[in-house]
Structure formats: C-alpha cells, structure tokens
Amino acid sequence: GRNLVIVEESASATLVEVFHAGHSGTYLNNVATEIIAGPNSNVTHVRIQEESLGAFHVADTKIRQQQDSTVSSFVITTGARSSRNDLGFALEGPGASCTLNGLFVLNGQQVADNYTLVDHATPHCQSQEFYKGVLDGHAEGGFTGRVLVREDAQKTDAEQSSRNLLLSNDAQINTRPQLEIYADD
C-alpha cells in the first residue's frame, strides 16, 4: 500500500496505521507512507506493527515539514519474523520540530531493524528521537539513527537516545547513532 497525507496550513491530523494478521502464514507487507506537514500544522503519526511470526514487513515513511510545523511519530513493533522500518524527516521550514518515538519488543527468532534520518535543512528547527528495544530469545534488533544538520541550519537543537534491554544471552542489539554537522553555529 501507498499512503499520501497532505496536512494544510494551520491544520491538525492524526494518522494511525495498524498492521495485524489474523493468520500465521508467510507473506510480505510492503508499505510506503508520505506525509507533508504544511506551515504551522500539527501531525501525529502512529504505526503499530503486530503481524504474524511468519510475516515479513517493510515500511518506508517520509515526512516533509514546512515552517513552524510539529510532527510526532510513534512506531511500535512487536510482530513479524523480520521487519524493517525506514523513517525520514526533512525539516524544510524554519521553526519546524519533530519527535520520533520507537519501541520494539522481540522474542524467539524475530529480527527488527529501524533506520531514521532527520534532515535539518533550515534554521531554528528542533528534533527529539527516543528509541527503545526489549529483546528475548535469539531476537535481533537494530537502530541506526542519523541526524544531518546542513550548513544553513543555524540554531539547531537535536537530541537522540537509544536504550535497550536484553533478556537473554542470545539476544542481540546493534545501535548506530550518526551525527553530521555542517553548520558552524
């Protein structure tokens, strides 16, 4: 599926995506979501992925933010044999702010990878990113968070945190924070 959500100037919207399977078969779910947050808009995006343990889930979400827009993202992953969440934010207008919250709870042989990119393209923008994982059995989790502060993005405020709990000796987590700063402020 492909979703395109345009939130116009000074509007508010909440988008909730829930992926749940009523059977345990093997299948692939490939989803693309694009959100455009207009000036002074407020957007909340929630993705809950609790598919069967035979599923393969791939999600790509791109969010473009204009001036003074606010976007909150919540990604919760508890299902699928293997899942990948790509989440990209482009802060294209001054004063834009975003919050990225992620939680993955895995067990058995599950694998979940989370890739985030926050592109601070303009000045006076803010981002906060908090991802947490709880892994048991032979589960494998991954978090790669990239924050890019472009040359013109003066007065940027960016936070990133990834905290994980391994409940067994066989569980694995790979956390790769990345920060690129080209602004001289």
N, C-alpha and C. Protein backbone atom coordinates (compact mmCIF):
# COMPACT_ATOMS: atom_id res chain seq x y z
N GLY A 1 0.82 -1.19 0.00
CA GLY A 1 0.00 0.00 0.00
C GLY A 1 0.86 1.24 0.00
N ARG A 2 0.28 2.30 -0.50
CA ARG A 2 0.93 3.61 -0.51
C ARG A 2 -0.05 4.64 0.01
N ASN A 3 0.42 5.44 0.97
CA ASN A 3 -0.41 6.49 1.56
C ASN A 3 0.25 7.84 1.32
N LEU A 4 -0.55 8.81 0.92
CA LEU A 4 -0.09 10.18 0.79
C LEU A 4 -1.02 11.04 1.64
N VAL A 5 -0.45 11.73 2.63
CA VAL A 5 -1.24 12.57 3.53
C VAL A 5 -0.69 13.99 3.44
N ILE A 6 -1.56 14.93 3.07
CA ILE A 6 -1.17 16.34 3.00
C ILE A 6 -1.97 17.09 4.05
N VAL A 7 -1.26 17.67 5.00
CA VAL A 7 -1.90 18.45 6.06
C VAL A 7 -1.64 19.91 5.76
N GLU A 8 -2.70 20.64 5.46
CA GLU A 8 -2.54 22.01 5.01
C GLU A 8 -2.23 22.97 6.15
N GLU A 9 -2.00 24.21 5.81
CA GLU A 9 -1.57 25.24 6.76
C GLU A 9 -2.52 25.34 7.95
N SER A 10 -1.94 25.34 9.16
CA SER A 10 -2.65 25.50 10.44
C SER A 10 -3.65 24.38 10.73
N ALA A 11 -3.56 23.27 10.04
CA ALA A 11 -4.46 22.13 10.26
C ALA A 11 -3.79 21.12 11.19
N SER A 12 -4.61 20.24 11.75
CA SER A 12 -4.13 19.15 12.59
C SER A 12 -4.64 17.83 12.05
N ALA A 13 -3.82 16.79 12.18
CA ALA A 13 -4.24 15.47 11.71
C ALA A 13 -3.54 14.39 12.53
N THR A 14 -4.25 13.27 12.70
CA THR A 14 -3.67 12.09 13.32
C THR A 14 -3.87 10.92 12.37
N LEU A 15 -2.79 10.23 12.05
CA LEU A 15 -2.83 9.06 11.18
C LEU A 15 -2.36 7.87 11.99
N VAL A 16 -3.21 6.83 12.06
CA VAL A 16 -2.87 5.61 12.78
C VAL A 16 -2.87 4.46 11.78
N GLU A 17 -1.72 3.79 11.66
CA GLU A 17 -1.60 2.61 10.80
C GLU A 17 -1.40 1.40 11.70
N VAL A 18 -2.28 0.41 11.55
CA VAL A 18 -2.18 -0.82 12.34
C VAL A 18 -2.06 -1.99 11.37
N PHE A 19 -1.02 -2.79 11.59
CA PHE A 19 -0.78 -3.96 10.76
C PHE A 19 -0.90 -5.19 11.65
N HIS A 20 -1.97 -5.95 11.43
CA HIS A 20 -2.27 -7.12 12.26
C HIS A 20 -2.76 -8.23 11.34
N ALA A 21 -2.28 -9.43 11.55
CA ALA A 21 -2.70 -10.56 10.72
C ALA A 21 -3.55 -11.52 11.54
N GLY A 22 -4.59 -12.01 10.92
CA GLY A 22 -5.45 -12.98 11.56
C GLY A 22 -5.02 -14.42 11.33
N HIS A 23 -3.93 -14.61 10.59
CA HIS A 23 -3.44 -15.96 10.31
C HIS A 23 -1.93 -15.98 10.50
N SER A 24 -1.35 -17.17 10.51
CA SER A 24 0.08 -17.30 10.79
C SER A 24 0.90 -17.65 9.56
N GLY A 25 0.36 -17.44 8.37
CA GLY A 25 1.08 -17.79 7.15
C GLY A 25 2.26 -16.88 6.88
N THR A 26 3.00 -17.24 5.84
CA THR A 26 4.15 -16.45 5.43
C THR A 26 3.71 -15.49 4.33
N TYR A 27 4.04 -14.22 4.49
CA TYR A 27 3.68 -13.22 3.50
C TYR A 27 4.57 -12.00 3.66
N LEU A 28 4.53 -11.11 2.67
CA LEU A 28 5.29 -9.86 2.68
C LEU A 28 4.31 -8.69 2.68
N ASN A 29 4.57 -7.73 3.55
CA ASN A 29 3.79 -6.50 3.58
C ASN A 29 4.77 -5.35 3.34
N ASN A 30 4.57 -4.62 2.25
CA ASN A 30 5.47 -3.53 1.87
C ASN A 30 4.64 -2.26 1.81
N VAL A 31 4.93 -1.28 2.69
CA VAL A 31 4.09 -0.10 2.84
C VAL A 31 4.93 1.16 2.68
N ALA A 32 4.39 2.13 1.94
CA ALA A 32 5.03 3.43 1.80
C ALA A 32 4.04 4.50 2.24
N THR A 33 4.50 5.39 3.12
CA THR A 33 3.66 6.48 3.60
C THR A 33 4.43 7.78 3.45
N GLU A 34 3.80 8.78 2.87
CA GLU A 34 4.40 10.10 2.73
C GLU A 34 3.46 11.11 3.37
N ILE A 35 4.04 11.94 4.24
CA ILE A 35 3.26 12.97 4.92
C ILE A 35 3.91 14.32 4.64
N ILE A 36 3.08 15.28 4.24
CA ILE A 36 3.54 16.64 4.04
C ILE A 36 2.82 17.51 5.06
N ALA A 37 3.61 18.11 5.97
CA ALA A 37 3.06 18.95 7.02
C ALA A 37 3.21 20.40 6.61
N GLY A 38 2.09 21.05 6.33
CA GLY A 38 2.11 22.45 5.89
C GLY A 38 2.52 23.39 7.01
N PRO A 39 2.67 24.68 6.69
CA PRO A 39 3.08 25.66 7.69
C PRO A 39 2.15 25.68 8.90
N ASN A 40 2.73 25.70 10.08
CA ASN A 40 2.00 25.80 11.34
C ASN A 40 1.03 24.64 11.57
N SER A 41 1.27 23.51 10.94
CA SER A 41 0.38 22.36 11.13
C SER A 41 0.89 21.48 12.27
N ASN A 42 0.03 20.59 12.71
CA ASN A 42 0.34 19.67 13.80
C ASN A 42 -0.08 18.26 13.37
N VAL A 43 0.88 17.34 13.31
CA VAL A 43 0.60 16.00 12.81
C VAL A 43 1.09 14.96 13.81
N THR A 44 0.26 13.94 14.04
CA THR A 44 0.66 12.78 14.84
C THR A 44 0.54 11.55 13.95
N HIS A 45 1.61 10.77 13.88
CA HIS A 45 1.61 9.55 13.08
C HIS A 45 1.95 8.37 13.99
N VAL A 46 1.09 7.36 13.99
CA VAL A 46 1.29 6.17 14.82
C VAL A 46 1.31 4.95 13.90
N ARG A 47 2.34 4.12 14.03
CA ARG A 47 2.40 2.85 13.29
C ARG A 47 2.55 1.73 14.30
N ILE A 48 1.58 0.81 14.30
CA ILE A 48 1.62 -0.36 15.17
C ILE A 48 1.73 -1.58 14.28
N GLN A 49 2.82 -2.33 14.44
CA GLN A 49 3.07 -3.49 13.61
C GLN A 49 3.11 -4.71 14.51
N GLU A 50 2.04 -5.51 14.43
CA GLU A 50 1.91 -6.71 15.25
C GLU A 50 1.48 -7.89 14.37
N GLU A 51 2.19 -8.06 13.27
CA GLU A 51 1.84 -9.11 12.32
C GLU A 51 2.28 -10.48 12.81
N SER A 52 1.87 -11.51 12.07
CA SER A 52 2.17 -12.89 12.46
C SER A 52 3.67 -13.15 12.40
N LEU A 53 4.11 -14.19 13.11
CA LEU A 53 5.54 -14.51 13.16
C LEU A 53 6.06 -15.11 11.86
N GLY A 54 5.19 -15.31 10.88
CA GLY A 54 5.63 -15.75 9.56
C GLY A 54 5.76 -14.60 8.58
N ALA A 55 5.42 -13.41 8.99
CA ALA A 55 5.38 -12.25 8.09
C ALA A 55 6.74 -11.59 7.93
N PHE A 56 6.87 -10.90 6.79
CA PHE A 56 7.99 -10.02 6.52
C PHE A 56 7.38 -8.65 6.28
N HIS A 57 7.82 -7.65 7.02
CA HIS A 57 7.21 -6.33 6.97
C HIS A 57 8.27 -5.29 6.63
N VAL A 58 8.02 -4.50 5.59
CA VAL A 58 8.91 -3.42 5.19
C VAL A 58 8.08 -2.15 5.12
N ALA A 59 8.51 -1.11 5.86
CA ALA A 59 7.77 0.15 5.88
C ALA A 59 8.72 1.30 5.60
N ASP A 60 8.31 2.18 4.70
CA ASP A 60 9.09 3.37 4.37
C ASP A 60 8.19 4.58 4.58
N THR A 61 8.58 5.46 5.50
CA THR A 61 7.80 6.66 5.81
C THR A 61 8.67 7.88 5.58
N LYS A 62 8.18 8.81 4.78
CA LYS A 62 8.87 10.07 4.52
C LYS A 62 7.96 11.21 4.96
N ILE A 63 8.54 12.13 5.73
CA ILE A 63 7.77 13.26 6.25
C ILE A 63 8.51 14.54 5.90
N ARG A 64 7.82 15.44 5.24
CA ARG A 64 8.37 16.76 4.88
C ARG A 64 7.63 17.81 5.69
N GLN A 65 8.42 18.65 6.38
CA GLN A 65 7.82 19.65 7.25
C GLN A 65 8.14 21.06 6.78
N GLN A 66 7.10 21.89 6.77
CA GLN A 66 7.27 23.28 6.41
C GLN A 66 7.35 24.13 7.67
N GLN A 67 7.41 25.43 7.52
CA GLN A 67 7.68 26.36 8.60
C GLN A 67 6.73 26.18 9.79
N ASP A 68 7.33 26.11 10.99
CA ASP A 68 6.60 26.04 12.27
C ASP A 68 5.66 24.84 12.40
N SER A 69 5.88 23.81 11.62
CA SER A 69 5.07 22.60 11.75
C SER A 69 5.63 21.73 12.87
N THR A 70 4.75 20.90 13.43
CA THR A 70 5.12 19.98 14.50
C THR A 70 4.63 18.59 14.13
N VAL A 71 5.53 17.61 14.16
CA VAL A 71 5.16 16.23 13.86
C VAL A 71 5.65 15.32 14.97
N SER A 72 4.76 14.44 15.45
CA SER A 72 5.12 13.41 16.43
C SER A 72 4.91 12.05 15.78
N SER A 73 5.92 11.20 15.91
CA SER A 73 5.87 9.87 15.31
C SER A 73 6.03 8.81 16.40
N PHE A 74 5.21 7.76 16.32
CA PHE A 74 5.29 6.64 17.25
C PHE A 74 5.31 5.36 16.42
N VAL A 75 6.38 4.58 16.54
CA VAL A 75 6.50 3.31 15.82
C VAL A 75 6.64 2.20 16.86
N ILE A 76 5.68 1.27 16.86
CA ILE A 76 5.68 0.16 17.81
C ILE A 76 5.74 -1.13 17.01
N THR A 77 6.77 -1.95 17.28
CA THR A 77 6.97 -3.19 16.55
C THR A 77 7.00 -4.36 17.54
N THR A 78 6.04 -5.27 17.38
CA THR A 78 6.02 -6.47 18.22
C THR A 78 5.88 -7.74 17.39
N GLY A 79 5.56 -7.62 16.11
CA GLY A 79 5.29 -8.79 15.30
C GLY A 79 6.24 -8.96 14.15
N ALA A 80 5.96 -9.93 13.32
CA ALA A 80 6.67 -10.30 12.10
C ALA A 80 7.95 -11.08 12.39
N ARG A 81 8.27 -11.95 11.50
CA ARG A 81 9.53 -12.70 11.58
C ARG A 81 10.70 -11.75 11.36
N SER A 82 10.52 -10.88 10.35
CA SER A 82 11.54 -9.89 10.04
C SER A 82 10.85 -8.59 9.64
N SER A 83 11.30 -7.48 10.21
CA SER A 83 10.69 -6.19 9.86
C SER A 83 11.77 -5.13 9.71
N ARG A 84 11.46 -4.17 8.86
CA ARG A 84 12.35 -3.03 8.64
C ARG A 84 11.48 -1.78 8.58
N ASN A 85 11.85 -0.79 9.40
CA ASN A 85 11.16 0.49 9.41
C ASN A 85 12.15 1.58 9.01
N ASP A 86 11.89 2.24 7.89
CA ASP A 86 12.67 3.40 7.47
C ASP A 86 11.81 4.63 7.70
N LEU A 87 12.36 5.59 8.43
CA LEU A 87 11.62 6.79 8.79
C LEU A 87 12.49 8.00 8.49
N GLY A 88 12.06 8.85 7.55
CA GLY A 88 12.85 10.00 7.15
C GLY A 88 12.09 11.30 7.34
N PHE A 89 12.70 12.24 8.04
CA PHE A 89 12.13 13.56 8.26
C PHE A 89 12.96 14.60 7.54
N ALA A 90 12.33 15.52 6.83
CA ALA A 90 13.01 16.65 6.21
C ALA A 90 12.39 17.91 6.81
N LEU A 91 13.17 18.61 7.63
CA LEU A 91 12.72 19.86 8.24
C LEU A 91 13.08 20.98 7.27
N GLU A 92 12.11 21.32 6.42
CA GLU A 92 12.37 22.21 5.29
C GLU A 92 11.98 23.66 5.55
N GLY A 93 11.37 23.95 6.71
CA GLY A 93 10.97 25.31 7.02
C GLY A 93 11.44 25.72 8.39
N PRO A 94 11.85 26.96 8.57
CA PRO A 94 12.33 27.41 9.88
C PRO A 94 11.28 27.18 10.97
N GLY A 95 11.76 26.77 12.14
CA GLY A 95 10.87 26.56 13.28
C GLY A 95 10.17 25.22 13.29
N ALA A 96 10.45 24.35 12.35
CA ALA A 96 9.82 23.02 12.34
C ALA A 96 10.39 22.18 13.48
N SER A 97 9.55 21.32 14.05
CA SER A 97 10.02 20.44 15.12
C SER A 97 9.39 19.06 14.96
N CYS A 98 10.16 18.05 15.38
CA CYS A 98 9.66 16.68 15.29
C CYS A 98 10.12 15.87 16.48
N THR A 99 9.30 14.88 16.82
CA THR A 99 9.62 13.92 17.87
C THR A 99 9.42 12.53 17.30
N LEU A 100 10.44 11.69 17.43
CA LEU A 100 10.39 10.32 16.95
C LEU A 100 10.47 9.39 18.14
N ASN A 101 9.45 8.58 18.34
CA ASN A 101 9.43 7.60 19.43
C ASN A 101 9.30 6.22 18.83
N GLY A 102 10.15 5.30 19.27
CA GLY A 102 10.10 3.94 18.76
C GLY A 102 10.24 2.92 19.87
N LEU A 103 9.50 1.83 19.75
CA LEU A 103 9.58 0.73 20.70
C LEU A 103 9.50 -0.56 19.91
N PHE A 104 10.45 -1.48 20.15
CA PHE A 104 10.36 -2.81 19.55
C PHE A 104 10.55 -3.84 20.65
N VAL A 105 9.62 -4.79 20.69
CA VAL A 105 9.63 -5.87 21.68
C VAL A 105 9.67 -7.17 20.88
N LEU A 106 10.79 -7.90 21.00
CA LEU A 106 11.02 -9.07 20.15
C LEU A 106 11.34 -10.30 20.99
N ASN A 107 11.02 -11.47 20.42
CA ASN A 107 11.26 -12.73 21.11
C ASN A 107 11.58 -13.79 20.06
N GLY A 108 12.06 -14.93 20.51
CA GLY A 108 12.32 -16.05 19.60
C GLY A 108 13.36 -15.70 18.56
N GLN A 109 13.01 -15.88 17.27
CA GLN A 109 13.92 -15.63 16.15
C GLN A 109 13.62 -14.31 15.43
N GLN A 110 12.83 -13.44 16.02
CA GLN A 110 12.43 -12.21 15.36
C GLN A 110 13.62 -11.28 15.10
N VAL A 111 13.51 -10.53 13.99
CA VAL A 111 14.52 -9.54 13.63
C VAL A 111 13.78 -8.25 13.29
N ALA A 112 14.22 -7.13 13.85
CA ALA A 112 13.63 -5.82 13.53
C ALA A 112 14.74 -4.80 13.38
N ASP A 113 14.73 -4.08 12.27
CA ASP A 113 15.70 -3.02 12.02
C ASP A 113 14.95 -1.71 11.87
N ASN A 114 15.46 -0.67 12.54
CA ASN A 114 14.88 0.66 12.49
C ASN A 114 15.94 1.63 11.98
N TYR A 115 15.62 2.33 10.90
CA TYR A 115 16.52 3.32 10.32
C TYR A 115 15.80 4.66 10.32
N THR A 116 16.44 5.67 10.92
CA THR A 116 15.84 7.00 10.94
C THR A 116 16.82 8.02 10.36
N LEU A 117 16.27 9.03 9.73
CA LEU A 117 17.04 10.17 9.24
C LEU A 117 16.25 11.43 9.56
N VAL A 118 16.90 12.36 10.25
CA VAL A 118 16.31 13.67 10.49
C VAL A 118 17.22 14.68 9.80
N ASP A 119 16.71 15.33 8.76
CA ASP A 119 17.47 16.27 7.95
C ASP A 119 17.07 17.69 8.34
N HIS A 120 17.96 18.34 9.11
CA HIS A 120 17.75 19.74 9.49
C HIS A 120 18.26 20.60 8.33
N ALA A 121 17.34 21.04 7.48
CA ALA A 121 17.73 21.78 6.28
C ALA A 121 17.63 23.29 6.45
N THR A 122 16.94 23.75 7.49
CA THR A 122 16.73 25.18 7.70
C THR A 122 16.99 25.54 9.17
N PRO A 123 17.16 26.82 9.47
CA PRO A 123 17.50 27.22 10.84
C PRO A 123 16.33 27.10 11.82
N HIS A 124 16.70 27.11 13.10
CA HIS A 124 15.75 27.17 14.22
C HIS A 124 14.82 25.96 14.27
N CYS A 125 15.30 24.80 13.91
CA CYS A 125 14.50 23.58 13.97
C CYS A 125 14.92 22.73 15.16
N GLN A 126 14.01 21.85 15.56
CA GLN A 126 14.26 21.02 16.74
C GLN A 126 13.83 19.58 16.45
N SER A 127 14.63 18.61 16.93
CA SER A 127 14.24 17.21 16.82
C SER A 127 14.61 16.47 18.09
N GLN A 128 13.74 15.55 18.48
CA GLN A 128 13.97 14.67 19.62
C GLN A 128 13.67 13.25 19.16
N GLU A 129 14.58 12.35 19.47
CA GLU A 129 14.45 10.97 19.00
C GLU A 129 14.73 10.02 20.16
N PHE A 130 13.73 9.15 20.44
CA PHE A 130 13.86 8.20 21.55
C PHE A 130 13.41 6.82 21.05
N TYR A 131 14.35 5.87 21.01
CA TYR A 131 14.04 4.50 20.59
C TYR A 131 14.44 3.54 21.69
N LYS A 132 13.56 2.57 21.95
CA LYS A 132 13.82 1.58 22.99
C LYS A 132 13.51 0.19 22.45
N GLY A 133 14.32 -0.80 22.89
CA GLY A 133 14.11 -2.18 22.48
C GLY A 133 14.17 -3.12 23.66
N VAL A 134 13.32 -4.13 23.63
CA VAL A 134 13.34 -5.21 24.62
C VAL A 134 13.41 -6.51 23.81
N LEU A 135 14.48 -7.29 24.04
CA LEU A 135 14.72 -8.47 23.22
C LEU A 135 14.95 -9.69 24.10
N ASP A 136 14.34 -10.82 23.69
CA ASP A 136 14.48 -12.08 24.41
C ASP A 136 14.76 -13.18 23.39
N GLY A 137 15.10 -14.36 23.88
CA GLY A 137 15.38 -15.50 22.99
C GLY A 137 16.58 -15.23 22.12
N HIS A 138 16.45 -15.52 20.81
CA HIS A 138 17.51 -15.27 19.84
C HIS A 138 17.19 -14.05 18.98
N ALA A 139 16.35 -13.16 19.46
CA ALA A 139 15.92 -12.00 18.69
C ALA A 139 17.08 -11.05 18.41
N GLU A 140 16.97 -10.36 17.27
CA GLU A 140 17.97 -9.37 16.87
C GLU A 140 17.27 -8.05 16.56
N GLY A 141 17.78 -6.99 17.15
CA GLY A 141 17.22 -5.67 16.90
C GLY A 141 18.30 -4.73 16.40
N GLY A 142 17.87 -3.74 15.66
CA GLY A 142 18.82 -2.76 15.15
C GLY A 142 18.22 -1.37 15.15
N PHE A 143 19.05 -0.39 15.48
CA PHE A 143 18.66 1.01 15.39
C PHE A 143 19.81 1.79 14.77
N THR A 144 19.55 2.42 13.64
CA THR A 144 20.52 3.31 13.02
C THR A 144 19.83 4.66 12.91
N GLY A 145 20.30 5.63 13.68
CA GLY A 145 19.70 6.95 13.69
C GLY A 145 20.68 7.98 13.17
N ARG A 146 20.30 8.66 12.11
CA ARG A 146 21.18 9.67 11.51
C ARG A 146 20.54 11.04 11.62
N VAL A 147 21.29 11.99 12.15
CA VAL A 147 20.85 13.38 12.22
C VAL A 147 21.81 14.19 11.36
N LEU A 148 21.25 14.92 10.40
CA LEU A 148 22.03 15.73 9.48
C LEU A 148 21.68 17.20 9.72
N VAL A 149 22.69 18.01 10.04
CA VAL A 149 22.49 19.44 10.23
C VAL A 149 23.22 20.15 9.09
N ARG A 150 22.46 20.67 8.16
CA ARG A 150 23.04 21.30 6.97
C ARG A 150 23.67 22.66 7.30
N GLU A 151 24.46 23.16 6.37
CA GLU A 151 25.23 24.38 6.59
C GLU A 151 24.36 25.57 6.97
N ASP A 152 23.19 25.70 6.37
CA ASP A 152 22.31 26.84 6.65
C ASP A 152 21.43 26.63 7.87
N ALA A 153 21.51 25.49 8.52
CA ALA A 153 20.61 25.15 9.63
C ALA A 153 21.17 25.63 10.97
N GLN A 154 21.37 26.93 11.09
CA GLN A 154 21.88 27.51 12.33
C GLN A 154 20.82 27.39 13.43
N LYS A 155 21.28 27.40 14.69
CA LYS A 155 20.40 27.34 15.87
C LYS A 155 19.56 26.06 15.89
N THR A 156 20.16 24.95 15.50
CA THR A 156 19.51 23.64 15.52
C THR A 156 19.62 23.03 16.91
N ASP A 157 18.54 22.35 17.34
CA ASP A 157 18.54 21.61 18.61
C ASP A 157 18.12 20.19 18.29
N ALA A 158 19.03 19.23 18.47
CA ALA A 158 18.73 17.84 18.14
C ALA A 158 19.16 16.92 19.28
N GLU A 159 18.27 16.00 19.65
CA GLU A 159 18.56 15.00 20.68
C GLU A 159 18.29 13.62 20.10
N GLN A 160 19.09 12.64 20.55
CA GLN A 160 18.88 11.27 20.10
C GLN A 160 19.25 10.32 21.24
N SER A 161 18.38 9.33 21.49
CA SER A 161 18.64 8.36 22.54
C SER A 161 18.13 6.99 22.10
N SER A 162 18.94 5.97 22.36
CA SER A 162 18.53 4.59 22.09
C SER A 162 18.91 3.76 23.31
N ARG A 163 17.91 3.18 23.95
CA ARG A 163 18.14 2.36 25.14
C ARG A 163 17.49 1.00 24.91
N ASN A 164 18.22 -0.04 25.33
CA ASN A 164 17.77 -1.40 25.03
C ASN A 164 17.98 -2.31 26.22
N LEU A 165 17.14 -3.33 26.28
CA LEU A 165 17.21 -4.32 27.35
C LEU A 165 17.25 -5.70 26.73
N LEU A 166 18.32 -6.44 27.02
CA LEU A 166 18.46 -7.82 26.53
C LEU A 166 18.07 -8.75 27.66
N LEU A 167 17.07 -9.62 27.43
CA LEU A 167 16.58 -10.52 28.45
C LEU A 167 17.19 -11.91 28.39
N SER A 168 18.02 -12.16 27.36
CA SER A 168 18.70 -13.46 27.26
C SER A 168 20.12 -13.24 26.75
N ASN A 169 20.96 -14.24 26.95
CA ASN A 169 22.34 -14.15 26.47
C ASN A 169 22.44 -14.26 24.96
N ASP A 170 21.40 -14.76 24.30
CA ASP A 170 21.44 -14.95 22.86
C ASP A 170 20.83 -13.80 22.07
N ALA A 171 20.16 -12.89 22.73
CA ALA A 171 19.57 -11.73 22.04
C ALA A 171 20.68 -10.75 21.66
N GLN A 172 20.44 -10.01 20.55
CA GLN A 172 21.44 -9.06 20.07
C GLN A 172 20.79 -7.73 19.74
N ILE A 173 21.55 -6.65 19.97
CA ILE A 173 21.11 -5.32 19.55
C ILE A 173 22.29 -4.61 18.90
N ASN A 174 22.03 -3.93 17.81
CA ASN A 174 23.05 -3.13 17.13
C ASN A 174 22.53 -1.69 17.07
N THR A 175 23.20 -0.81 17.76
CA THR A 175 22.80 0.59 17.80
C THR A 175 23.88 1.44 17.17
N ARG A 176 23.49 2.24 16.16
CA ARG A 176 24.45 3.05 15.42
C ARG A 176 23.95 4.50 15.32
N PRO A 177 24.25 5.33 16.31
CA PRO A 177 23.89 6.74 16.19
C PRO A 177 24.86 7.45 15.25
N GLN A 178 24.34 8.36 14.43
CA GLN A 178 25.17 9.10 13.49
C GLN A 178 24.78 10.57 13.53
N LEU A 179 25.77 11.44 13.60
CA LEU A 179 25.52 12.88 13.63
C LEU A 179 26.47 13.56 12.65
N GLU A 180 25.90 14.30 11.71
CA GLU A 180 26.68 15.08 10.74
C GLU A 180 26.31 16.54 10.90
N ILE A 181 27.27 17.39 11.25
CA ILE A 181 27.00 18.81 11.45
C ILE A 181 27.85 19.60 10.47
N TYR A 182 27.19 20.39 9.63
CA TYR A 182 27.87 21.26 8.70
C TYR A 182 27.64 22.73 9.01
N ALA A 183 26.75 23.02 9.96
CA ALA A 183 26.52 24.40 10.40
C ALA A 183 27.65 24.78 11.36
N ASP A 184 28.05 26.05 11.34
CA ASP A 184 29.15 26.48 12.19
C ASP A 184 28.68 27.18 13.46
N ASP A 185 27.41 27.08 13.74
CA ASP A 185 26.85 27.72 14.95
C ASP A 185 27.11 26.84 16.16
